[in-house]
Amino acid sequence: MSSTSDNADIVPIKRLAYNPNTGKHELRAPVAKFIKGPIPLEWITRANALPGKAGAVGLALWFLVGVKSSRTIKLTGEVEQIAACDRKSKYTALAALETAGLITVKRRAGARAVATILAL
């Protein structure tokens, strides 16, 4: 997947679902993505008060929490893509979120960092 925001080269995915009434696989309508909640309002308020892209990175982490069904997320380029930021901005935002006590980050040499969203 390209790192640019140009979606012209992305091929749409067609998904099929089995319909037991007809006994056939039928084209399924695409489902819009959403952030699964509940997300504590205090958490969002504190993240949005931080400088830079901290609020956007925080919401990207919450989105991935809903997708993965775990409060612990491996920090891949997907976070950057969802938060619409570059790698350096992501690291700055993660440091701000960690200093504010909203997340913890485990860093290991040669491996991707892992963030855990903390409950307030």
PDB file of N, CA and C in Angstrom:
ATOM      1  N   MET A   1       0.850  -1.164   0.000  1.00  0.00           N
ATOM      2  CA  MET A   1       0.000   0.000   0.000  1.00  0.00           C
ATOM      3  C   MET A   1       0.894   1.224   0.000  1.00  0.00           C
ATOM      4  N   SER A   2       0.567   2.220  -0.801  1.00  0.00           N
ATOM      5  CA  SER A   2       1.396   3.401  -0.894  1.00  0.00           C
ATOM      6  C   SER A   2       1.232   4.262   0.343  1.00  0.00           C
ATOM      7  N   SER A   3       2.280   5.046   0.627  1.00  0.00           N
ATOM      8  CA  SER A   3       2.237   5.889   1.809  1.00  0.00           C
ATOM      9  C   SER A   3       1.595   7.239   1.522  1.00  0.00           C
ATOM     10  N   THR A   4       1.248   7.497   0.268  1.00  0.00           N
ATOM     11  CA  THR A   4       0.600   8.760  -0.061  1.00  0.00           C
ATOM     12  C   THR A   4      -0.879   8.670   0.247  1.00  0.00           C
ATOM     13  N   SER A   5      -1.499   9.836   0.289  1.00  0.00           N
ATOM     14  CA  SER A   5      -2.931   9.845   0.591  1.00  0.00           C
ATOM     15  C   SER A   5      -3.772   9.706  -0.666  1.00  0.00           C
ATOM     16  N   ASP A   6      -3.143   9.480  -1.827  1.00  0.00           N
ATOM     17  CA  ASP A   6      -3.866   9.314  -3.074  1.00  0.00           C
ATOM     18  C   ASP A   6      -4.452   7.909  -3.139  1.00  0.00           C
ATOM     19  N   ASN A   7      -5.778   7.821  -3.189  1.00  0.00           N
ATOM     20  CA  ASN A   7      -6.457   6.525  -3.196  1.00  0.00           C
ATOM     21  C   ASN A   7      -6.811   6.064  -4.600  1.00  0.00           C
ATOM     22  N   ALA A   8      -6.276   6.711  -5.630  1.00  0.00           N
ATOM     23  CA  ALA A   8      -6.632   6.381  -7.003  1.00  0.00           C
ATOM     24  C   ALA A   8      -6.143   4.991  -7.400  1.00  0.00           C
ATOM     25  N   ASP A   9      -5.039   4.515  -6.799  1.00  0.00           N
ATOM     26  CA  ASP A   9      -4.484   3.227  -7.200  1.00  0.00           C
ATOM     27  C   ASP A   9      -4.977   2.062  -6.347  1.00  0.00           C
ATOM     28  N   ILE A  10      -5.884   2.314  -5.421  1.00  0.00           N
ATOM     29  CA  ILE A  10      -6.403   1.255  -4.564  1.00  0.00           C
ATOM     30  C   ILE A  10      -7.566   0.553  -5.261  1.00  0.00           C
ATOM     31  N   VAL A  11      -7.491  -0.767  -5.323  1.00  0.00           N
ATOM     32  CA  VAL A  11      -8.534  -1.566  -5.952  1.00  0.00           C
ATOM     33  C   VAL A  11      -9.604  -1.865  -4.905  1.00  0.00           C
ATOM     34  N   PRO A  12     -10.860  -1.579  -5.191  1.00  0.00           N
ATOM     35  CA  PRO A  12     -11.905  -1.870  -4.206  1.00  0.00           C
ATOM     36  C   PRO A  12     -12.036  -3.379  -3.995  1.00  0.00           C
ATOM     37  N   ILE A  13     -12.306  -3.755  -2.764  1.00  0.00           N
ATOM     38  CA  ILE A  13     -12.448  -5.163  -2.407  1.00  0.00           C
ATOM     39  C   ILE A  13     -13.916  -5.533  -2.481  1.00  0.00           C
ATOM     40  N   LYS A  14     -14.199  -6.638  -3.166  1.00  0.00           N
ATOM     41  CA  LYS A  14     -15.568  -7.147  -3.232  1.00  0.00           C
ATOM     42  C   LYS A  14     -15.666  -8.306  -2.264  1.00  0.00           C
ATOM     43  N   ARG A  15     -16.594  -8.215  -1.339  1.00  0.00           N
ATOM     44  CA  ARG A  15     -16.769  -9.259  -0.338  1.00  0.00           C
ATOM     45  C   ARG A  15     -18.075  -9.993  -0.607  1.00  0.00           C
ATOM     46  N   LEU A  16     -18.016 -11.304  -0.450  1.00  0.00           N
ATOM     47  CA  LEU A  16     -19.199 -12.137  -0.641  1.00  0.00           C
ATOM     48  C   LEU A  16     -19.648 -12.690   0.704  1.00  0.00           C
ATOM     49  N   ALA A  17     -20.951 -12.838   0.851  1.00  0.00           N
ATOM     50  CA  ALA A  17     -21.526 -13.432   2.055  1.00  0.00           C
ATOM     51  C   ALA A  17     -22.507 -14.519   1.619  1.00  0.00           C
ATOM     52  N   TYR A  18     -22.513 -15.595   2.381  1.00  0.00           N
ATOM     53  CA  TYR A  18     -23.403 -16.700   2.060  1.00  0.00           C
ATOM     54  C   TYR A  18     -24.820 -16.364   2.521  1.00  0.00           C
ATOM     55  N   ASN A  19     -25.774 -16.517   1.611  1.00  0.00           N
ATOM     56  CA  ASN A  19     -27.184 -16.298   1.922  1.00  0.00           C
ATOM     57  C   ASN A  19     -27.846 -17.668   2.036  1.00  0.00           C
ATOM     58  N   PRO A  20     -28.233 -18.081   3.249  1.00  0.00           N
ATOM     59  CA  PRO A  20     -28.825 -19.414   3.409  1.00  0.00           C
ATOM     60  C   PRO A  20     -30.187 -19.553   2.732  1.00  0.00           C
ATOM     61  N   ASN A  21     -30.877 -18.431   2.482  1.00  0.00           N
ATOM     62  CA  ASN A  21     -32.189 -18.507   1.824  1.00  0.00           C
ATOM     63  C   ASN A  21     -32.069 -18.893   0.361  1.00  0.00           C
ATOM     64  N   THR A  22     -31.053 -18.371  -0.314  1.00  0.00           N
ATOM     65  CA  THR A  22     -30.868 -18.679  -1.728  1.00  0.00           C
ATOM     66  C   THR A  22     -29.854 -19.788  -1.951  1.00  0.00           C
ATOM     67  N   GLY A  23     -29.018 -20.043  -0.935  1.00  0.00           N
ATOM     68  CA  GLY A  23     -27.986 -21.065  -1.081  1.00  0.00           C
ATOM     69  C   GLY A  23     -26.812 -20.597  -1.923  1.00  0.00           C
ATOM     70  N   LYS A  24     -26.684 -19.282  -2.107  1.00  0.00           N
ATOM     71  CA  LYS A  24     -25.612 -18.730  -2.935  1.00  0.00           C
ATOM     72  C   LYS A  24     -24.816 -17.686  -2.161  1.00  0.00           C
ATOM     73  N   HIS A  25     -23.608 -17.450  -2.662  1.00  0.00           N
ATOM     74  CA  HIS A  25     -22.809 -16.347  -2.136  1.00  0.00           C
ATOM     75  C   HIS A  25     -23.199 -15.093  -2.902  1.00  0.00           C
ATOM     76  N   GLU A  26     -23.475 -14.016  -2.178  1.00  0.00           N
ATOM     77  CA  GLU A  26     -23.917 -12.775  -2.801  1.00  0.00           C
ATOM     78  C   GLU A  26     -22.991 -11.635  -2.392  1.00  0.00           C
ATOM     79  N   LEU A  27     -22.923 -10.635  -3.241  1.00  0.00           N
ATOM     80  CA  LEU A  27     -22.104  -9.466  -2.968  1.00  0.00           C
ATOM     81  C   LEU A  27     -22.634  -8.748  -1.735  1.00  0.00           C
ATOM     82  N   ARG A  28     -21.740  -8.475  -0.798  1.00  0.00           N
ATOM     83  CA  ARG A  28     -22.125  -7.810   0.448  1.00  0.00           C
ATOM     84  C   ARG A  28     -21.752  -6.333   0.356  1.00  0.00           C
ATOM     85  N   ALA A  29     -22.624  -5.485   0.831  1.00  0.00           N
ATOM     86  CA  ALA A  29     -22.361  -4.051   0.820  1.00  0.00           C
ATOM     87  C   ALA A  29     -21.221  -3.732   1.782  1.00  0.00           C
ATOM     88  N   PRO A  30     -20.336  -2.803   1.407  1.00  0.00           N
ATOM     89  CA  PRO A  30     -19.233  -2.452   2.306  1.00  0.00           C
ATOM     90  C   PRO A  30     -19.761  -1.782   3.583  1.00  0.00           C
ATOM     91  N   VAL A  31     -19.086  -2.070   4.678  1.00  0.00           N
ATOM     92  CA  VAL A  31     -19.479  -1.524   5.970  1.00  0.00           C
ATOM     93  C   VAL A  31     -18.522  -0.392   6.321  1.00  0.00           C
ATOM     94  N   ALA A  32     -19.064   0.739   6.744  1.00  0.00           N
ATOM     95  CA  ALA A  32     -18.231   1.868   7.133  1.00  0.00           C
ATOM     96  C   ALA A  32     -17.471   1.534   8.411  1.00  0.00           C
ATOM     97  N   LYS A  33     -16.215   1.988   8.497  1.00  0.00           N
ATOM     98  CA  LYS A  33     -15.412   1.758   9.692  1.00  0.00           C
ATOM     99  C   LYS A  33     -15.844   2.729  10.785  1.00  0.00           C
ATOM    100  N   PHE A  34     -15.695   2.290  12.032  1.00  0.00           N
ATOM    101  CA  PHE A  34     -16.087   3.119  13.169  1.00  0.00           C
ATOM    102  C   PHE A  34     -15.203   2.783  14.360  1.00  0.00           C
ATOM    103  N   ILE A  35     -15.178   3.690  15.341  1.00  0.00           N
ATOM    104  CA  ILE A  35     -14.424   3.471  16.566  1.00  0.00           C
ATOM    105  C   ILE A  35     -15.369   2.828  17.575  1.00  0.00           C
ATOM    106  N   LYS A  36     -14.996   1.654  18.039  1.00  0.00           N
ATOM    107  CA  LYS A  36     -15.826   0.916  18.988  1.00  0.00           C
ATOM    108  C   LYS A  36     -15.637   1.512  20.381  1.00  0.00           C
ATOM    109  N   GLY A  37     -16.716   1.710  21.073  1.00  0.00           N
ATOM    110  CA  GLY A  37     -16.652   2.336  22.399  1.00  0.00           C
ATOM    111  C   GLY A  37     -17.064   1.369  23.471  1.00  0.00           C
ATOM    112  N   PRO A  38     -17.238   1.825  24.656  1.00  0.00           N
ATOM    113  CA  PRO A  38     -17.139   3.221  25.058  1.00  0.00           C
ATOM    114  C   PRO A  38     -15.683   3.657  25.248  1.00  0.00           C
ATOM    115  N   ILE A  39     -15.428   4.924  24.938  1.00  0.00           N
ATOM    116  CA  ILE A  39     -14.139   5.552  25.177  1.00  0.00           C
ATOM    117  C   ILE A  39     -14.377   6.611  26.246  1.00  0.00           C
ATOM    118  N   PRO A  40     -13.628   6.569  27.331  1.00  0.00           N
ATOM    119  CA  PRO A  40     -13.847   7.555  28.391  1.00  0.00           C
ATOM    120  C   PRO A  40     -13.639   8.985  27.873  1.00  0.00           C
ATOM    121  N   LEU A  41     -14.604   9.855  28.123  1.00  0.00           N
ATOM    122  CA  LEU A  41     -14.506  11.242  27.671  1.00  0.00           C
ATOM    123  C   LEU A  41     -13.296  11.935  28.281  1.00  0.00           C
ATOM    124  N   GLU A  42     -12.992  11.620  29.534  1.00  0.00           N
ATOM    125  CA  GLU A  42     -11.821  12.229  30.173  1.00  0.00           C
ATOM    126  C   GLU A  42     -10.538  11.849  29.433  1.00  0.00           C
ATOM    127  N   TRP A  43     -10.463  10.608  28.941  1.00  0.00           N
ATOM    128  CA  TRP A  43      -9.286  10.152  28.195  1.00  0.00           C
ATOM    129  C   TRP A  43      -9.125  10.992  26.925  1.00  0.00           C
ATOM    130  N   ILE A  44     -10.206  11.153  26.178  1.00  0.00           N
ATOM    131  CA  ILE A  44     -10.164  11.929  24.936  1.00  0.00           C
ATOM    132  C   ILE A  44      -9.831  13.392  25.220  1.00  0.00           C
ATOM    133  N   THR A  45     -10.435  13.954  26.261  1.00  0.00           N
ATOM    134  CA  THR A  45     -10.194  15.350  26.610  1.00  0.00           C
ATOM    135  C   THR A  45      -8.727  15.578  26.956  1.00  0.00           C
ATOM    136  N   ARG A  46      -8.155  14.674  27.742  1.00  0.00           N
ATOM    137  CA  ARG A  46      -6.738  14.813  28.107  1.00  0.00           C
ATOM    138  C   ARG A  46      -5.834  14.627  26.901  1.00  0.00           C
ATOM    139  N   ALA A  47      -6.154  13.702  26.021  1.00  0.00           N
ATOM    140  CA  ALA A  47      -5.339  13.481  24.823  1.00  0.00           C
ATOM    141  C   ALA A  47      -5.411  14.680  23.881  1.00  0.00           C
ATOM    142  N   ASN A  48      -6.603  15.255  23.717  1.00  0.00           N
ATOM    143  CA  ASN A  48      -6.764  16.403  22.823  1.00  0.00           C
ATOM    144  C   ASN A  48      -6.097  17.661  23.361  1.00  0.00           C
ATOM    145  N   ALA A  49      -5.877  17.726  24.668  1.00  0.00           N
ATOM    146  CA  ALA A  49      -5.211  18.886  25.265  1.00  0.00           C
ATOM    147  C   ALA A  49      -3.695  18.836  25.058  1.00  0.00           C
ATOM    148  N   LEU A  50      -3.178  17.692  24.630  1.00  0.00           N
ATOM    149  CA  LEU A  50      -1.740  17.543  24.412  1.00  0.00           C
ATOM    150  C   LEU A  50      -1.349  18.162  23.070  1.00  0.00           C
ATOM    151  N   PRO A  51      -0.085  18.548  22.921  1.00  0.00           N
ATOM    152  CA  PRO A  51       0.342  19.191  21.670  1.00  0.00           C
ATOM    153  C   PRO A  51       0.428  18.221  20.497  1.00  0.00           C
ATOM    154  N   GLY A  52       0.420  18.792  19.302  1.00  0.00           N
ATOM    155  CA  GLY A  52       0.631  18.024  18.076  1.00  0.00           C
ATOM    156  C   GLY A  52      -0.498  17.063  17.759  1.00  0.00           C
ATOM    157  N   LYS A  53      -0.112  15.894  17.288  1.00  0.00           N
ATOM    158  CA  LYS A  53      -1.065  14.881  16.821  1.00  0.00           C
ATOM    159  C   LYS A  53      -1.455  13.875  17.897  1.00  0.00           C
ATOM    160  N   ALA A  54      -1.264  14.229  19.165  1.00  0.00           N
ATOM    161  CA  ALA A  54      -1.532  13.276  20.241  1.00  0.00           C
ATOM    162  C   ALA A  54      -2.991  12.818  20.244  1.00  0.00           C
ATOM    163  N   GLY A  55      -3.926  13.738  20.030  1.00  0.00           N
ATOM    164  CA  GLY A  55      -5.338  13.360  19.997  1.00  0.00           C
ATOM    165  C   GLY A  55      -5.647  12.420  18.853  1.00  0.00           C
ATOM    166  N   ALA A  56      -5.095  12.706  17.673  1.00  0.00           N
ATOM    167  CA  ALA A  56      -5.330  11.860  16.502  1.00  0.00           C
ATOM    168  C   ALA A  56      -4.708  10.478  16.686  1.00  0.00           C
ATOM    169  N   VAL A  57      -3.500  10.438  17.224  1.00  0.00           N
ATOM    170  CA  VAL A  57      -2.847   9.150  17.465  1.00  0.00           C
ATOM    171  C   VAL A  57      -3.622   8.365  18.532  1.00  0.00           C
ATOM    172  N   GLY A  58      -4.115   9.055  19.548  1.00  0.00           N
ATOM    173  CA  GLY A  58      -4.920   8.399  20.577  1.00  0.00           C
ATOM    174  C   GLY A  58      -6.179   7.768  20.004  1.00  0.00           C
ATOM    175  N   LEU A  59      -6.868   8.496  19.134  1.00  0.00           N
ATOM    176  CA  LEU A  59      -8.069   7.941  18.504  1.00  0.00           C
ATOM    177  C   LEU A  59      -7.722   6.776  17.579  1.00  0.00           C
ATOM    178  N   ALA A  60      -6.583   6.860  16.896  1.00  0.00           N
ATOM    179  CA  ALA A  60      -6.145   5.742  16.055  1.00  0.00           C
ATOM    180  C   ALA A  60      -5.907   4.502  16.911  1.00  0.00           C
ATOM    181  N   LEU A  61      -5.303   4.703  18.096  1.00  0.00           N
ATOM    182  CA  LEU A  61      -5.087   3.569  19.002  1.00  0.00           C
ATOM    183  C   LEU A  61      -6.417   2.979  19.466  1.00  0.00           C
ATOM    184  N   TRP A  62      -7.383   3.847  19.797  1.00  0.00           N
ATOM    185  CA  TRP A  62      -8.699   3.347  20.222  1.00  0.00           C
ATOM    186  C   TRP A  62      -9.388   2.582  19.097  1.00  0.00           C
ATOM    187  N   PHE A  63      -9.239   3.048  17.839  1.00  0.00           N
ATOM    188  CA  PHE A  63      -9.819   2.318  16.709  1.00  0.00           C
ATOM    189  C   PHE A  63      -9.227   0.909  16.649  1.00  0.00           C
ATOM    190  N   LEU A  64      -7.899   0.813  16.770  1.00  0.00           N
ATOM    191  CA  LEU A  64      -7.239  -0.486  16.689  1.00  0.00           C
ATOM    192  C   LEU A  64      -7.566  -1.370  17.890  1.00  0.00           C
ATOM    193  N   VAL A  65      -7.837  -0.763  19.045  1.00  0.00           N
ATOM    194  CA  VAL A  65      -8.293  -1.535  20.206  1.00  0.00           C
ATOM    195  C   VAL A  65      -9.600  -2.249  19.866  1.00  0.00           C
ATOM    196  N   GLY A  66     -10.506  -1.553  19.203  1.00  0.00           N
ATOM    197  CA  GLY A  66     -11.768  -2.166  18.803  1.00  0.00           C
ATOM    198  C   GLY A  66     -11.586  -3.253  17.764  1.00  0.00           C
ATOM    199  N   VAL A  67     -10.657  -3.056  16.844  1.00  0.00           N
ATOM    200  CA  VAL A  67     -10.400  -4.051  15.798  1.00  0.00           C
ATOM    201  C   VAL A  67      -9.746  -5.300  16.380  1.00  0.00           C
ATOM    202  N   LYS A  68      -8.756  -5.103  17.244  1.00  0.00           N
ATOM    203  CA  LYS A  68      -7.976  -6.224  17.787  1.00  0.00           C
ATOM    204  C   LYS A  68      -8.589  -6.833  19.044  1.00  0.00           C
ATOM    205  N   SER A  69      -9.579  -6.158  19.639  1.00  0.00           N
ATOM    206  CA  SER A  69     -10.201  -6.612  20.892  1.00  0.00           C
ATOM    207  C   SER A  69      -9.176  -6.779  22.010  1.00  0.00           C
ATOM    208  N   SER A  70      -8.213  -5.865  22.046  1.00  0.00           N
ATOM    209  CA  SER A  70      -7.188  -5.870  23.074  1.00  0.00           C
ATOM    210  C   SER A  70      -6.716  -4.444  23.284  1.00  0.00           C
ATOM    211  N   ARG A  71      -6.432  -4.064  24.530  1.00  0.00           N
ATOM    212  CA  ARG A  71      -5.930  -2.719  24.814  1.00  0.00           C
ATOM    213  C   ARG A  71      -4.441  -2.606  24.531  1.00  0.00           C
ATOM    214  N   THR A  72      -3.807  -3.689  24.120  1.00  0.00           N
ATOM    215  CA  THR A  72      -2.390  -3.679  23.772  1.00  0.00           C
ATOM    216  C   THR A  72      -2.271  -3.775  22.256  1.00  0.00           C
ATOM    217  N   ILE A  73      -1.587  -2.787  21.675  1.00  0.00           N
ATOM    218  CA  ILE A  73      -1.503  -2.663  20.218  1.00  0.00           C
ATOM    219  C   ILE A  73      -0.053  -2.567  19.776  1.00  0.00           C
ATOM    220  N   LYS A  74       0.328  -3.365  18.767  1.00  0.00           N
ATOM    221  CA  LYS A  74       1.649  -3.236  18.160  1.00  0.00           C
ATOM    222  C   LYS A  74       1.621  -2.007  17.255  1.00  0.00           C
ATOM    223  N   LEU A  75       2.618  -1.140  17.404  1.00  0.00           N
ATOM    224  CA  LEU A  75       2.635   0.130  16.683  1.00  0.00           C
ATOM    225  C   LEU A  75       3.228  -0.047  15.287  1.00  0.00           C
ATOM    226  N   THR A  76       2.359  -0.172  14.323  1.00  0.00           N
ATOM    227  CA  THR A  76       2.756  -0.338  12.935  1.00  0.00           C
ATOM    228  C   THR A  76       2.461   0.946  12.168  1.00  0.00           C
ATOM    229  N   GLY A  77       2.704   0.931  10.886  1.00  0.00           N
ATOM    230  CA  GLY A  77       2.395   2.071  10.037  1.00  0.00           C
ATOM    231  C   GLY A  77       0.912   2.359   9.942  1.00  0.00           C
ATOM    232  N   GLU A  78       0.092   1.400  10.349  1.00  0.00           N
ATOM    233  CA  GLU A  78      -1.359   1.596  10.324  1.00  0.00           C
ATOM    234  C   GLU A  78      -1.774   2.747  11.237  1.00  0.00           C
ATOM    235  N   VAL A  79      -1.089   2.891  12.368  1.00  0.00           N
ATOM    236  CA  VAL A  79      -1.390   3.993  13.284  1.00  0.00           C
ATOM    237  C   VAL A  79      -1.126   5.320  12.581  1.00  0.00           C
ATOM    238  N   GLU A  80      -0.005   5.417  11.879  1.00  0.00           N
ATOM    239  CA  GLU A  80       0.330   6.636  11.138  1.00  0.00           C
ATOM    240  C   GLU A  80      -0.709   6.921  10.058  1.00  0.00           C
ATOM    241  N   GLN A  81      -1.135   5.896   9.383  1.00  0.00           N
ATOM    242  CA  GLN A  81      -2.108   6.064   8.307  1.00  0.00           C
ATOM    243  C   GLN A  81      -3.456   6.549   8.857  1.00  0.00           C
ATOM    244  N   ILE A  82      -3.927   5.958   9.934  1.00  0.00           N
ATOM    245  CA  ILE A  82      -5.211   6.347  10.508  1.00  0.00           C
ATOM    246  C   ILE A  82      -5.137   7.757  11.085  1.00  0.00           C
ATOM    247  N   ALA A  83      -4.031   8.080  11.756  1.00  0.00           N
ATOM    248  CA  ALA A  83      -3.875   9.392  12.392  1.00  0.00           C
ATOM    249  C   ALA A  83      -3.445  10.474  11.407  1.00  0.00           C
ATOM    250  N   ALA A  84      -3.153  10.085  10.169  1.00  0.00           N
ATOM    251  CA  ALA A  84      -2.708  11.024   9.132  1.00  0.00           C
ATOM    252  C   ALA A  84      -1.493  11.817   9.599  1.00  0.00           C
ATOM    253  N   CYS A  85      -0.468  11.088  10.040  1.00  0.00           N
ATOM    254  CA  CYS A  85       0.754  11.743  10.485  1.00  0.00           C
ATOM    255  C   CYS A  85       1.963  10.943  10.019  1.00  0.00           C
ATOM    256  N   ASP A  86       3.137  11.559  10.147  1.00  0.00           N
ATOM    257  CA  ASP A  86       4.353  10.847   9.782  1.00  0.00           C
ATOM    258  C   ASP A  86       4.924  10.127  11.008  1.00  0.00           C
ATOM    259  N   ARG A  87       5.985   9.395  10.790  1.00  0.00           N
ATOM    260  CA  ARG A  87       6.566   8.560  11.849  1.00  0.00           C
ATOM    261  C   ARG A  87       7.057   9.398  13.032  1.00  0.00           C
ATOM    262  N   LYS A  88       7.717  10.503  12.748  1.00  0.00           N
ATOM    263  CA  LYS A  88       8.244  11.359  13.815  1.00  0.00           C
ATOM    264  C   LYS A  88       7.109  11.952  14.653  1.00  0.00           C
ATOM    265  N   SER A  89       6.039  12.396  13.994  1.00  0.00           N
ATOM    266  CA  SER A  89       4.881  12.936  14.721  1.00  0.00           C
ATOM    267  C   SER A  89       4.241  11.864  15.588  1.00  0.00           C
ATOM    268  N   LYS A  90       4.220  10.628  15.080  1.00  0.00           N
ATOM    269  CA  LYS A  90       3.647   9.520  15.863  1.00  0.00           C
ATOM    270  C   LYS A  90       4.460   9.304  17.127  1.00  0.00           C
ATOM    271  N   TYR A  91       5.795   9.288  17.013  1.00  0.00           N
ATOM    272  CA  TYR A  91       6.637   9.069  18.180  1.00  0.00           C
ATOM    273  C   TYR A  91       6.500  10.196  19.192  1.00  0.00           C
ATOM    274  N   THR A  92       6.408  11.437  18.715  1.00  0.00           N
ATOM    275  CA  THR A  92       6.215  12.583  19.607  1.00  0.00           C
ATOM    276  C   THR A  92       4.880  12.483  20.322  1.00  0.00           C
ATOM    277  N   ALA A  93       3.830  12.109  19.588  1.00  0.00           N
ATOM    278  CA  ALA A  93       2.496  11.965  20.181  1.00  0.00           C
ATOM    279  C   ALA A  93       2.475  10.832  21.199  1.00  0.00           C
ATOM    280  N   LEU A  94       3.124   9.721  20.900  1.00  0.00           N
ATOM    281  CA  LEU A  94       3.170   8.596  21.840  1.00  0.00           C
ATOM    282  C   LEU A  94       3.873   8.998  23.130  1.00  0.00           C
ATOM    283  N   ALA A  95       4.967   9.760  23.006  1.00  0.00           N
ATOM    284  CA  ALA A  95       5.690  10.226  24.193  1.00  0.00           C
ATOM    285  C   ALA A  95       4.801  11.138  25.037  1.00  0.00           C
ATOM    286  N   ALA A  96       4.034  12.019  24.378  1.00  0.00           N
ATOM    287  CA  ALA A  96       3.129  12.921  25.098  1.00  0.00           C
ATOM    288  C   ALA A  96       2.017  12.135  25.788  1.00  0.00           C
ATOM    289  N   LEU A  97       1.433  11.150  25.096  1.00  0.00           N
ATOM    290  CA  LEU A  97       0.379  10.326  25.694  1.00  0.00           C
ATOM    291  C   LEU A  97       0.916   9.522  26.877  1.00  0.00           C
ATOM    292  N   GLU A  98       2.155   9.057  26.747  1.00  0.00           N
ATOM    293  CA  GLU A  98       2.761   8.281  27.827  1.00  0.00           C
ATOM    294  C   GLU A  98       3.057   9.173  29.033  1.00  0.00           C
ATOM    295  N   THR A  99       3.575  10.368  28.796  1.00  0.00           N
ATOM    296  CA  THR A  99       3.856  11.309  29.886  1.00  0.00           C
ATOM    297  C   THR A  99       2.576  11.710  30.605  1.00  0.00           C
ATOM    298  N   ALA A 100       1.474  11.816  29.860  1.00  0.00           N
ATOM    299  CA  ALA A 100       0.181  12.190  30.455  1.00  0.00           C
ATOM    300  C   ALA A 100      -0.470  11.034  31.207  1.00  0.00           C
ATOM    301  N   GLY A 101       0.117   9.848  31.136  1.00  0.00           N
ATOM    302  CA  GLY A 101      -0.433   8.698  31.858  1.00  0.00           C
ATOM    303  C   GLY A 101      -1.611   8.044  31.165  1.00  0.00           C
ATOM    304  N   LEU A 102      -1.751   8.269  29.854  1.00  0.00           N
ATOM    305  CA  LEU A 102      -2.866   7.684  29.109  1.00  0.00           C
ATOM    306  C   LEU A 102      -2.512   6.332  28.499  1.00  0.00           C
ATOM    307  N   ILE A 103      -1.222   6.116  28.223  1.00  0.00           N
ATOM    308  CA  ILE A 103      -0.756   4.850  27.646  1.00  0.00           C
ATOM    309  C   ILE A 103       0.581   4.486  28.274  1.00  0.00           C
ATOM    310  N   THR A 104       0.969   3.235  28.093  1.00  0.00           N
ATOM    311  CA  THR A 104       2.343   2.814  28.361  1.00  0.00           C
ATOM    312  C   THR A 104       2.894   2.280  27.048  1.00  0.00           C
ATOM    313  N   VAL A 105       4.183   2.443  26.842  1.00  0.00           N
ATOM    314  CA  VAL A 105       4.818   1.958  25.621  1.00  0.00           C
ATOM    315  C   VAL A 105       6.020   1.123  26.005  1.00  0.00           C
ATOM    316  N   LYS A 106       6.084  -0.081  25.469  1.00  0.00           N
ATOM    317  CA  LYS A 106       7.243  -0.956  25.666  1.00  0.00           C
ATOM    318  C   LYS A 106       8.049  -0.930  24.374  1.00  0.00           C
ATOM    319  N   ARG A 107       9.303  -0.532  24.498  1.00  0.00           N
ATOM    320  CA  ARG A 107      10.188  -0.445  23.337  1.00  0.00           C
ATOM    321  C   ARG A 107      11.302  -1.467  23.482  1.00  0.00           C
ATOM    322  N   ARG A 108      11.589  -2.177  22.365  1.00  0.00           N
ATOM    323  CA  ARG A 108      12.690  -3.139  22.340  1.00  0.00           C
ATOM    324  C   ARG A 108      13.512  -2.885  21.090  1.00  0.00           C
ATOM    325  N   ALA A 109      14.805  -3.043  21.204  1.00  0.00           N
ATOM    326  CA  ALA A 109      15.691  -2.832  20.061  1.00  0.00           C
ATOM    327  C   ALA A 109      15.365  -3.845  18.964  1.00  0.00           C
ATOM    328  N   GLY A 110      15.199  -3.362  17.752  1.00  0.00           N
ATOM    329  CA  GLY A 110      14.952  -4.229  16.615  1.00  0.00           C
ATOM    330  C   GLY A 110      13.532  -4.741  16.480  1.00  0.00           C
ATOM    331  N   ALA A 111      12.633  -4.286  17.341  1.00  0.00           N
ATOM    332  CA  ALA A 111      11.241  -4.741  17.277  1.00  0.00           C
ATOM    333  C   ALA A 111      10.315  -3.531  17.344  1.00  0.00           C
ATOM    334  N   ARG A 112       9.117  -3.697  16.851  1.00  0.00           N
ATOM    335  CA  ARG A 112       8.138  -2.618  16.930  1.00  0.00           C
ATOM    336  C   ARG A 112       7.726  -2.403  18.388  1.00  0.00           C
ATOM    337  N   ALA A 113       7.473  -1.151  18.706  1.00  0.00           N
ATOM    338  CA  ALA A 113       7.007  -0.821  20.053  1.00  0.00           C
ATOM    339  C   ALA A 113       5.576  -1.326  20.226  1.00  0.00           C
ATOM    340  N   VAL A 114       5.189  -1.551  21.472  1.00  0.00           N
ATOM    341  CA  VAL A 114       3.849  -2.024  21.804  1.00  0.00           C
ATOM    342  C   VAL A 114       3.252  -1.041  22.808  1.00  0.00           C
ATOM    343  N   ALA A 115       2.069  -0.510  22.495  1.00  0.00           N
ATOM    344  CA  ALA A 115       1.392   0.445  23.372  1.00  0.00           C
ATOM    345  C   ALA A 115       0.206  -0.224  24.045  1.00  0.00           C
ATOM    346  N   THR A 116      -0.029   0.134  25.289  1.00  0.00           N
ATOM    347  CA  THR A 116      -1.194  -0.325  26.032  1.00  0.00           C
ATOM    348  C   THR A 116      -1.961   0.893  26.520  1.00  0.00           C
ATOM    349  N   ILE A 117      -3.235   0.959  26.186  1.00  0.00           N
ATOM    350  CA  ILE A 117      -4.092   2.061  26.634  1.00  0.00           C
ATOM    351  C   ILE A 117      -4.477   1.790  28.081  1.00  0.00           C
ATOM    352  N   LEU A 118      -4.274   2.815  28.925  1.00  0.00           N
ATOM    353  CA  LEU A 118      -4.574   2.682  30.342  1.00  0.00           C
ATOM    354  C   LEU A 118      -5.982   3.177  30.648  1.00  0.00           C
ATOM    355  N   ALA A 119      -6.634   2.523  31.575  1.00  0.00           N
ATOM    356  CA  ALA A 119      -7.949   2.955  32.013  1.00  0.00           C
ATOM    357  C   ALA A 119      -7.795   4.107  32.998  1.00  0.00           C
ATOM    358  N   LEU A 120      -8.720   5.036  32.957  1.00  0.00           N
ATOM    359  CA  LEU A 120      -8.654   6.168  33.894  1.00  0.00           C
ATOM    360  C   LEU A 120      -9.540   5.927  35.079  1.00  0.00           C
TER     361      LEU A 120
END
